Each structure stands twice: as C-alpha cells, then as structure tokens.
N, C-alpha and C. Protein backbone atom coordinates (compact mmCIF):
# COMPACT_ATOMS: atom_id res chain seq x y z
N MET A 1 23.84 -27.98 9.07
CA MET A 1 22.51 -28.20 8.78
C MET A 1 21.82 -28.81 9.95
N ILE A 2 20.58 -28.36 10.34
CA ILE A 2 19.90 -28.95 11.44
C ILE A 2 19.56 -30.58 10.94
N THR A 3 19.32 -31.18 11.99
CA THR A 3 19.28 -32.71 11.60
C THR A 3 17.91 -33.19 12.53
N VAL A 4 17.49 -34.32 12.06
CA VAL A 4 16.56 -35.15 12.97
C VAL A 4 16.90 -35.08 14.24
N GLY A 5 15.90 -34.99 15.30
CA GLY A 5 16.42 -35.01 16.67
C GLY A 5 17.01 -33.69 17.19
N GLN A 6 17.33 -32.78 16.56
CA GLN A 6 17.78 -31.45 17.13
C GLN A 6 16.52 -30.60 17.41
N SER A 7 16.68 -29.59 18.25
CA SER A 7 15.70 -28.68 18.58
C SER A 7 16.00 -27.57 17.55
N LEU A 8 14.52 -26.88 17.26
CA LEU A 8 14.87 -25.77 16.25
C LEU A 8 15.35 -24.58 16.94
N PRO A 9 16.06 -23.76 16.28
CA PRO A 9 16.91 -22.61 16.99
C PRO A 9 15.99 -21.67 17.57
N ALA A 10 16.44 -20.84 18.59
CA ALA A 10 15.82 -19.77 19.09
C ALA A 10 15.72 -18.67 18.09
N GLY A 11 14.58 -17.94 18.01
CA GLY A 11 14.36 -16.97 17.24
C GLY A 11 13.12 -15.92 17.54
N GLU A 12 12.98 -15.20 16.71
CA GLU A 12 11.78 -14.28 16.82
C GLU A 12 11.14 -13.87 15.42
N PHE A 13 9.90 -13.92 15.28
CA PHE A 13 9.18 -13.67 13.99
C PHE A 13 8.36 -12.44 14.06
N THR A 14 8.10 -11.74 13.07
CA THR A 14 7.36 -10.43 13.36
C THR A 14 6.14 -10.91 12.09
N PHE A 15 4.98 -10.51 12.69
CA PHE A 15 3.64 -10.88 12.00
C PHE A 15 2.97 -9.43 12.07
N ILE A 16 2.41 -9.43 10.79
CA ILE A 16 1.24 -8.31 10.60
C ILE A 16 -0.14 -8.64 10.96
N THR A 17 -0.82 -8.02 11.97
CA THR A 17 -2.26 -8.28 12.21
C THR A 17 -2.89 -7.06 12.12
N ALA A 18 -4.42 -7.26 12.36
CA ALA A 18 -5.29 -6.09 12.35
C ALA A 18 -4.74 -4.92 13.45
N GLU A 19 -4.01 -5.49 14.61
CA GLU A 19 -3.46 -4.74 15.58
C GLU A 19 -2.12 -4.00 15.48
N GLY A 20 -1.52 -4.43 14.15
CA GLY A 20 -0.34 -3.88 13.77
C GLY A 20 0.70 -5.10 13.87
N LYS A 21 2.12 -4.67 14.14
CA LYS A 21 3.01 -5.57 14.21
C LYS A 21 3.18 -6.36 15.61
N GLN A 22 3.35 -7.83 15.34
CA GLN A 22 3.41 -8.67 16.60
C GLN A 22 4.50 -9.34 16.42
N VAL A 23 5.25 -9.76 17.57
CA VAL A 23 6.48 -10.63 17.48
C VAL A 23 6.03 -11.67 18.50
N LEU A 24 6.53 -13.01 17.86
CA LEU A 24 6.44 -14.12 18.53
C LEU A 24 7.78 -14.58 18.75
N ASP A 25 8.26 -15.46 19.59
CA ASP A 25 9.44 -16.09 19.68
C ASP A 25 9.31 -17.67 19.47
N THR A 26 10.23 -18.29 18.98
CA THR A 26 9.91 -19.74 18.45
C THR A 26 9.37 -20.61 19.59
N ARG A 27 9.76 -20.22 20.83
CA ARG A 27 9.06 -21.23 22.04
C ARG A 27 7.53 -20.96 21.93
N ALA A 28 7.08 -19.84 21.59
CA ALA A 28 5.50 -19.68 21.69
C ALA A 28 5.09 -20.19 20.36
N LEU A 29 5.72 -20.14 19.45
CA LEU A 29 5.23 -20.79 17.98
C LEU A 29 5.40 -22.45 18.05
N PHE A 30 6.29 -23.00 18.75
CA PHE A 30 6.71 -24.48 18.38
C PHE A 30 6.42 -25.33 19.77
N ALA A 31 6.48 -24.78 20.89
CA ALA A 31 6.36 -25.50 22.33
C ALA A 31 5.03 -26.14 22.37
N GLY A 32 5.16 -27.58 22.74
CA GLY A 32 3.98 -28.20 22.95
C GLY A 32 3.08 -28.41 21.74
N LYS A 33 3.57 -28.34 20.53
CA LYS A 33 2.87 -28.32 19.19
C LYS A 33 3.51 -29.14 18.37
N ARG A 34 2.78 -30.08 17.53
CA ARG A 34 3.31 -30.75 16.13
C ARG A 34 2.91 -29.82 15.00
N VAL A 35 4.16 -29.42 14.43
CA VAL A 35 4.32 -28.39 13.40
C VAL A 35 4.93 -29.04 12.14
N VAL A 36 4.31 -28.51 10.98
CA VAL A 36 4.91 -28.68 9.78
C VAL A 36 5.20 -27.45 9.23
N LEU A 37 6.61 -27.35 9.03
CA LEU A 37 7.19 -26.20 8.54
C LEU A 37 7.93 -26.33 7.11
N PHE A 38 7.39 -25.58 6.15
CA PHE A 38 8.06 -25.61 4.81
C PHE A 38 8.57 -24.31 4.38
N ALA A 39 9.73 -24.38 3.68
CA ALA A 39 10.42 -23.16 3.28
C ALA A 39 10.34 -22.88 1.81
N VAL A 40 10.28 -21.64 1.52
CA VAL A 40 10.49 -21.45 0.04
C VAL A 40 11.40 -20.40 -0.38
N PRO A 41 11.97 -20.30 -1.38
CA PRO A 41 12.96 -19.38 -1.63
C PRO A 41 12.52 -17.94 -1.96
N GLY A 42 11.17 -17.92 -2.10
CA GLY A 42 10.76 -16.25 -2.16
C GLY A 42 9.23 -16.41 -2.22
N ALA A 43 8.61 -15.34 -1.57
CA ALA A 43 7.04 -14.97 -1.74
C ALA A 43 6.88 -14.58 -3.45
N PHE A 44 5.82 -14.97 -3.81
CA PHE A 44 5.46 -14.49 -5.13
C PHE A 44 6.12 -15.06 -6.35
N THR A 45 7.16 -16.11 -5.99
CA THR A 45 7.87 -16.45 -7.13
C THR A 45 7.13 -17.71 -7.71
N PRO A 46 7.58 -18.23 -9.08
CA PRO A 46 6.66 -19.14 -9.74
C PRO A 46 6.23 -20.36 -9.01
N THR A 47 7.16 -21.14 -8.63
CA THR A 47 6.90 -22.41 -8.18
C THR A 47 6.34 -22.37 -6.87
N CYS A 48 6.75 -21.32 -6.01
CA CYS A 48 6.23 -21.08 -4.75
C CYS A 48 4.65 -20.65 -4.64
N SER A 49 4.43 -19.97 -5.46
CA SER A 49 3.01 -19.34 -5.62
C SER A 49 2.19 -20.32 -6.43
N ASN A 50 2.55 -21.07 -7.29
CA ASN A 50 1.82 -21.87 -8.12
C ASN A 50 1.70 -23.22 -7.55
N ALA A 51 2.63 -23.68 -6.64
CA ALA A 51 2.53 -25.24 -6.42
C ALA A 51 2.73 -25.32 -4.97
N HIS A 52 3.87 -24.75 -4.57
CA HIS A 52 4.44 -25.26 -2.92
C HIS A 52 3.34 -24.55 -1.98
N LEU A 53 3.06 -23.27 -1.79
CA LEU A 53 2.17 -22.66 -0.86
C LEU A 53 0.65 -23.44 -1.03
N PRO A 54 0.16 -23.13 -2.51
CA PRO A 54 -1.15 -23.93 -2.69
C PRO A 54 -1.47 -25.13 -2.27
N GLY A 55 -0.45 -26.21 -2.36
CA GLY A 55 -0.57 -27.38 -1.85
C GLY A 55 -0.83 -27.50 -0.27
N TYR A 56 -0.17 -26.84 0.34
CA TYR A 56 -0.45 -26.76 1.76
C TYR A 56 -1.78 -26.08 2.14
N VAL A 57 -2.26 -25.09 1.46
CA VAL A 57 -3.50 -24.52 1.66
C VAL A 57 -4.64 -25.58 1.35
N VAL A 58 -4.54 -26.29 0.35
CA VAL A 58 -5.68 -27.06 -0.18
C VAL A 58 -5.55 -28.26 0.97
N LEU A 59 -4.53 -28.72 1.50
CA LEU A 59 -4.60 -29.77 2.25
C LEU A 59 -4.49 -29.57 3.92
N ALA A 60 -4.58 -28.56 4.09
CA ALA A 60 -4.60 -27.86 5.52
C ALA A 60 -5.51 -28.87 6.45
N ASP A 61 -6.58 -28.91 6.11
CA ASP A 61 -7.73 -29.59 6.89
C ASP A 61 -7.16 -30.93 7.04
N GLN A 62 -6.49 -31.59 5.99
CA GLN A 62 -5.94 -33.08 6.25
C GLN A 62 -4.77 -33.13 6.95
N PHE A 63 -3.99 -31.91 7.10
CA PHE A 63 -2.80 -31.93 8.08
C PHE A 63 -3.46 -31.95 9.51
N LYS A 64 -4.46 -30.97 9.76
CA LYS A 64 -4.91 -30.86 11.04
C LYS A 64 -5.64 -32.27 11.53
N ALA A 65 -6.30 -32.91 10.55
CA ALA A 65 -6.92 -34.25 10.97
C ALA A 65 -5.73 -35.27 11.23
N ALA A 66 -4.51 -35.17 10.77
CA ALA A 66 -3.56 -36.10 11.08
C ALA A 66 -2.53 -35.59 12.36
N GLY A 67 -3.27 -34.60 13.04
CA GLY A 67 -2.58 -34.16 14.29
C GLY A 67 -1.59 -33.04 14.29
N VAL A 68 -1.61 -32.36 13.17
CA VAL A 68 -0.57 -31.24 12.97
C VAL A 68 -1.37 -30.03 13.62
N ASP A 69 -0.83 -29.31 14.64
CA ASP A 69 -1.25 -27.99 15.24
C ASP A 69 -1.07 -26.94 14.31
N THR A 70 0.01 -26.65 13.70
CA THR A 70 0.20 -25.46 12.93
C THR A 70 1.17 -25.94 11.75
N ILE A 71 0.55 -25.18 10.62
CA ILE A 71 1.48 -25.27 9.46
C ILE A 71 2.24 -23.99 9.30
N CYS A 72 3.28 -23.86 9.15
CA CYS A 72 4.30 -22.84 8.95
C CYS A 72 4.87 -22.65 7.34
N CYS A 73 4.98 -21.48 6.90
CA CYS A 73 5.50 -21.25 5.69
C CYS A 73 6.81 -20.23 5.99
N LEU A 74 7.93 -20.59 5.86
CA LEU A 74 9.12 -19.77 6.05
C LEU A 74 9.68 -19.18 4.77
N SER A 75 9.97 -17.84 4.76
CA SER A 75 10.84 -17.14 3.62
C SER A 75 11.57 -16.24 4.03
N VAL A 76 12.52 -15.82 3.23
CA VAL A 76 13.32 -14.81 3.55
C VAL A 76 12.82 -13.58 2.96
N ASN A 77 11.92 -13.04 3.55
CA ASN A 77 11.08 -11.79 3.13
C ASN A 77 10.54 -11.10 4.28
N ASP A 78 10.22 -9.94 4.12
CA ASP A 78 9.52 -9.19 5.41
C ASP A 78 8.15 -9.40 5.56
N ALA A 79 7.85 -9.07 6.87
CA ALA A 79 6.48 -9.49 7.44
C ALA A 79 5.36 -8.95 6.31
N PHE A 80 5.46 -7.65 5.85
CA PHE A 80 4.52 -7.11 5.09
C PHE A 80 4.42 -7.98 3.72
N VAL A 81 5.47 -8.38 2.95
CA VAL A 81 5.53 -9.18 2.00
C VAL A 81 4.81 -10.51 2.16
N MET A 82 5.11 -11.05 3.31
CA MET A 82 4.46 -12.51 3.66
C MET A 82 3.01 -12.29 3.93
N LYS A 83 2.53 -11.16 4.47
CA LYS A 83 1.21 -10.93 4.76
C LYS A 83 0.23 -10.80 3.42
N ALA A 84 1.00 -10.08 2.69
CA ALA A 84 0.43 -9.89 1.23
C ALA A 84 0.27 -11.07 0.43
N TRP A 85 1.19 -11.82 0.56
CA TRP A 85 1.22 -13.17 -0.09
C TRP A 85 0.20 -14.10 0.36
N GLN A 86 0.12 -14.06 1.86
CA GLN A 86 -0.99 -14.95 2.46
C GLN A 86 -2.30 -14.56 2.10
N GLN A 87 -2.57 -13.30 1.92
CA GLN A 87 -3.72 -12.70 1.33
C GLN A 87 -3.99 -13.11 0.02
N ALA A 88 -2.94 -13.02 -0.82
CA ALA A 88 -3.14 -13.23 -2.21
C ALA A 88 -3.41 -14.76 -2.54
N GLN A 89 -3.02 -15.58 -1.72
CA GLN A 89 -3.08 -16.90 -1.72
C GLN A 89 -4.15 -17.65 -1.10
N ASN A 90 -4.99 -16.77 -0.08
CA ASN A 90 -6.04 -17.23 0.49
C ASN A 90 -5.38 -18.29 1.58
N ALA A 91 -4.38 -18.13 2.11
CA ALA A 91 -3.50 -18.94 3.01
C ALA A 91 -3.79 -18.57 4.50
N ASP A 92 -4.91 -18.36 4.70
CA ASP A 92 -5.18 -17.95 6.26
C ASP A 92 -4.92 -19.16 7.03
N ALA A 93 -5.09 -20.35 6.81
CA ALA A 93 -4.68 -21.52 7.60
C ALA A 93 -3.24 -21.86 7.88
N ILE A 94 -2.31 -20.93 7.19
CA ILE A 94 -0.90 -21.11 7.18
C ILE A 94 -0.41 -20.02 7.92
N THR A 95 0.71 -20.22 8.89
CA THR A 95 1.41 -19.24 9.67
C THR A 95 2.67 -18.75 8.83
N MET A 96 2.54 -17.71 8.35
CA MET A 96 3.59 -17.22 7.70
C MET A 96 4.81 -16.40 8.36
N LEU A 97 5.95 -17.10 8.22
CA LEU A 97 7.10 -16.73 9.12
C LEU A 97 8.13 -15.94 8.11
N ALA A 98 8.19 -14.81 8.34
CA ALA A 98 9.11 -13.76 7.73
C ALA A 98 10.40 -13.72 8.28
N ASP A 99 11.35 -14.24 7.71
CA ASP A 99 12.78 -14.21 8.23
C ASP A 99 13.60 -13.24 7.39
N GLY A 100 13.17 -11.87 7.83
CA GLY A 100 13.58 -10.67 7.07
C GLY A 100 15.24 -10.61 6.75
N ASP A 101 15.94 -10.83 7.58
CA ASP A 101 17.43 -10.80 7.45
C ASP A 101 18.21 -12.40 7.19
N GLY A 102 17.13 -13.37 7.13
CA GLY A 102 17.68 -14.55 7.03
C GLY A 102 18.35 -15.27 8.08
N SER A 103 18.33 -14.53 9.15
CA SER A 103 18.93 -15.22 10.64
C SER A 103 18.65 -16.62 10.91
N TRP A 104 17.46 -16.57 10.98
CA TRP A 104 16.82 -18.00 11.51
C TRP A 104 17.15 -18.98 10.40
N THR A 105 17.02 -18.75 9.11
CA THR A 105 17.28 -19.60 8.06
C THR A 105 18.73 -20.11 8.14
N ARG A 106 19.53 -18.97 8.46
CA ARG A 106 21.20 -19.27 8.48
C ARG A 106 21.19 -20.35 9.83
N ALA A 107 20.52 -20.06 10.83
CA ALA A 107 20.70 -20.82 12.17
C ALA A 107 20.19 -22.30 11.85
N LEU A 108 19.36 -22.48 11.15
CA LEU A 108 18.97 -23.77 10.66
C LEU A 108 19.97 -24.54 9.65
N GLY A 109 20.87 -23.67 9.15
CA GLY A 109 21.90 -24.01 8.18
C GLY A 109 21.29 -24.56 6.75
N LEU A 110 20.23 -23.87 6.50
CA LEU A 110 19.58 -24.06 5.34
C LEU A 110 19.36 -22.93 4.46
N ALA A 111 20.14 -21.87 4.50
CA ALA A 111 20.30 -20.74 3.56
C ALA A 111 20.98 -20.88 2.55
N ARG A 112 20.87 -20.25 1.39
CA ARG A 112 21.62 -20.35 0.13
C ARG A 112 21.95 -18.81 -0.39
N GLU A 113 22.95 -18.63 -0.74
CA GLU A 113 23.27 -17.29 -1.36
C GLU A 113 22.95 -17.49 -2.83
N THR A 114 21.86 -16.47 -3.34
CA THR A 114 21.46 -16.46 -4.78
C THR A 114 22.20 -15.32 -5.48
N GLY A 115 23.06 -14.52 -4.99
CA GLY A 115 23.74 -13.39 -5.58
C GLY A 115 22.68 -12.36 -5.82
N ALA A 116 22.83 -11.72 -7.07
CA ALA A 116 22.02 -10.71 -7.61
C ALA A 116 20.51 -11.07 -7.52
N PHE A 117 20.13 -12.32 -7.66
CA PHE A 117 18.76 -12.72 -7.70
C PHE A 117 18.05 -12.06 -6.46
N GLY A 118 18.66 -12.27 -5.49
CA GLY A 118 18.17 -11.83 -4.10
C GLY A 118 18.58 -12.00 -2.81
N GLY A 119 19.82 -12.33 -3.00
CA GLY A 119 20.79 -12.32 -1.87
C GLY A 119 20.55 -13.71 -1.05
N VAL A 120 20.41 -13.62 0.32
CA VAL A 120 20.42 -14.97 1.11
C VAL A 120 18.82 -15.28 0.96
N ARG A 121 18.61 -16.64 0.59
CA ARG A 121 17.21 -17.07 0.42
C ARG A 121 17.25 -18.42 1.36
N ALA A 122 16.28 -18.93 1.73
CA ALA A 122 16.05 -20.24 2.28
C ALA A 122 16.06 -21.42 1.07
N GLN A 123 16.78 -22.46 1.31
CA GLN A 123 16.73 -23.62 0.54
C GLN A 123 15.32 -24.10 0.43
N ARG A 124 14.69 -24.64 -0.54
CA ARG A 124 13.37 -25.20 -0.52
C ARG A 124 13.36 -26.54 0.27
N PHE A 125 12.65 -26.61 1.51
CA PHE A 125 12.63 -27.66 2.47
C PHE A 125 11.44 -27.80 3.10
N ALA A 126 11.27 -28.87 3.81
CA ALA A 126 10.02 -29.09 4.67
C ALA A 126 10.41 -30.02 5.84
N LEU A 127 9.93 -29.75 7.18
CA LEU A 127 10.04 -30.30 8.33
C LEU A 127 9.00 -30.87 9.05
N ILE A 128 8.99 -31.63 9.90
CA ILE A 128 7.81 -31.94 10.87
C ILE A 128 8.67 -31.74 12.26
N ALA A 129 8.13 -31.09 12.86
CA ALA A 129 8.76 -30.99 14.39
C ALA A 129 7.70 -31.28 15.44
N ASN A 130 7.98 -31.65 16.65
CA ASN A 130 7.18 -31.96 17.73
C ASN A 130 7.92 -31.39 19.00
N ASP A 131 7.14 -30.32 19.53
CA ASP A 131 7.54 -29.73 20.72
C ASP A 131 8.83 -28.86 20.45
N GLY A 132 9.03 -28.57 19.15
CA GLY A 132 10.37 -27.85 18.79
C GLY A 132 11.56 -28.67 18.50
N VAL A 133 11.24 -30.01 18.37
CA VAL A 133 12.34 -30.95 17.93
C VAL A 133 11.92 -31.71 16.73
N VAL A 134 12.97 -31.66 15.64
CA VAL A 134 12.76 -31.92 14.31
C VAL A 134 12.73 -33.56 14.34
N GLU A 135 11.46 -34.06 13.89
CA GLU A 135 11.20 -35.28 13.81
C GLU A 135 11.55 -35.98 12.38
N GLN A 136 11.34 -35.10 11.27
CA GLN A 136 11.66 -35.49 9.87
C GLN A 136 11.92 -34.29 9.34
N LEU A 137 12.86 -34.37 8.07
CA LEU A 137 13.36 -33.30 7.47
C LEU A 137 13.60 -33.76 6.06
N PHE A 138 13.29 -32.93 5.08
CA PHE A 138 13.07 -33.06 3.61
C PHE A 138 13.86 -31.82 2.93
N VAL A 139 15.10 -32.00 2.60
CA VAL A 139 15.59 -30.85 1.84
C VAL A 139 15.59 -31.30 0.34
N GLU A 140 15.12 -30.25 -0.46
CA GLU A 140 15.20 -30.31 -1.90
C GLU A 140 16.66 -30.39 -2.51
N ALA A 141 16.77 -30.95 -3.57
CA ALA A 141 18.04 -30.81 -4.32
C ALA A 141 17.87 -29.48 -5.10
N PRO A 142 18.96 -28.69 -5.45
CA PRO A 142 19.06 -27.50 -6.16
C PRO A 142 18.16 -27.53 -7.36
N GLY A 143 17.06 -26.68 -7.46
CA GLY A 143 16.25 -26.63 -8.66
C GLY A 143 15.04 -27.67 -8.61
N LYS A 144 14.91 -28.67 -7.65
CA LYS A 144 13.96 -29.47 -7.52
C LYS A 144 12.90 -29.20 -6.72
N PHE A 145 11.77 -29.63 -6.85
CA PHE A 145 10.31 -29.67 -6.01
C PHE A 145 9.76 -30.92 -6.02
N GLU A 146 10.35 -31.94 -5.13
CA GLU A 146 10.16 -33.41 -5.27
C GLU A 146 9.62 -33.78 -3.78
N VAL A 147 10.20 -33.26 -2.77
CA VAL A 147 10.10 -33.99 -1.54
C VAL A 147 9.58 -33.02 -0.49
N SER A 148 9.43 -31.80 -0.63
CA SER A 148 8.79 -30.76 0.37
C SER A 148 7.40 -30.46 -0.01
N ASP A 149 6.91 -31.08 -0.81
CA ASP A 149 5.36 -30.71 -1.28
C ASP A 149 4.55 -30.92 -0.25
N ALA A 150 3.26 -30.64 -0.24
CA ALA A 150 2.39 -30.93 0.76
C ALA A 150 1.95 -32.43 0.91
N GLN A 151 1.68 -33.00 -0.36
CA GLN A 151 1.51 -34.29 -0.49
C GLN A 151 2.32 -35.28 0.22
N SER A 152 3.90 -35.01 -0.14
CA SER A 152 4.86 -35.80 0.56
C SER A 152 4.89 -35.58 1.84
N LEU A 153 4.64 -34.51 2.54
CA LEU A 153 4.59 -34.15 4.00
C LEU A 153 3.46 -34.94 4.69
N LEU A 154 2.37 -34.80 3.92
CA LEU A 154 1.08 -35.52 4.42
C LEU A 154 1.42 -37.22 4.46
N ALA A 155 2.12 -37.70 3.57
CA ALA A 155 2.46 -39.21 3.62
C ALA A 155 3.45 -39.44 4.50
N ALA A 156 4.15 -38.51 4.91
CA ALA A 156 5.14 -38.72 5.99
C ALA A 156 4.71 -38.76 7.44
N LEU A 157 3.49 -38.06 7.44
CA LEU A 157 2.98 -38.22 9.08
C LEU A 157 2.37 -39.48 9.07
C-alpha cells in the first residue's frame, strides 16, 4: 500500500467532456498542485452518494480556501458512469477519476476484491498529496466511514 512520502503512481484517466473523451496522465493532474483525493467503492452506491461525495461538494470552497488546488474522487467505474454521477450530485467542483479496470487503484495498493458484488473496487480512503507526493493518508477499516470524510480531511489540512 502506498505510504506517506511516496509519489503517486503513474497512470492515465479518461474524462468525458463536451468535446468527447479526453485523457490526462497523473503528471498533468497532480504535478505542482496540492490535491485531496478520496476513493469510494462505487458510484451511485448508498454511502458514497448520500455522504462521501456530497461532503466534498458542500465543503469544496473551504478546501480551496485552505490551499487545495484540486479535489478528486476516485472509483473503479468507467468515465461515463463517473460523469453521470458527477452531474447527478452537482459535483462540478470535483474531478472525477474513473479507474475502469482498477489498475491505478491496484498500483496504490488500495484495491479490494468484492467478488460477485462488483469485482475489484477501491477501498474507501482519502489522501492529501502535494506535487504528486502523499502527505497524509487515511484508509477506512472495512465497512467504516470515519476517517476519509470531507470534514476529517479539512481538519487534517
């Protein structure tokens, strides 16, 4: 599992924009920026949709005021699902990272196998990175939602 002081792994993410599919690599996303990244097991799932993502949407301005350049939400879903979830949650202030095959989540060492529920998913976690290097990492215990919520991350800044 990635630890404090390590660089985020290289990778690419696909985004759906008005111009169609766009691909950005992790250097473009994280280099020279202070980033809060939180991961959810799945878009449109209960805790993720009712508490995790909405907390970051509500506090986005406070994160920006605290010096955060970008807030990212990571999920092992495709870019179309992440775009639809972003729109459904009015989450325009959040950069939605679709890790369709789970490869970036695996590279972080924070993937978990859920079997028939959905296969490989991200563990619920959050981190603060500066210039692509992890400053703080908060990984939830299985079935918990206590340390990766927006309020906790804002307090950690």
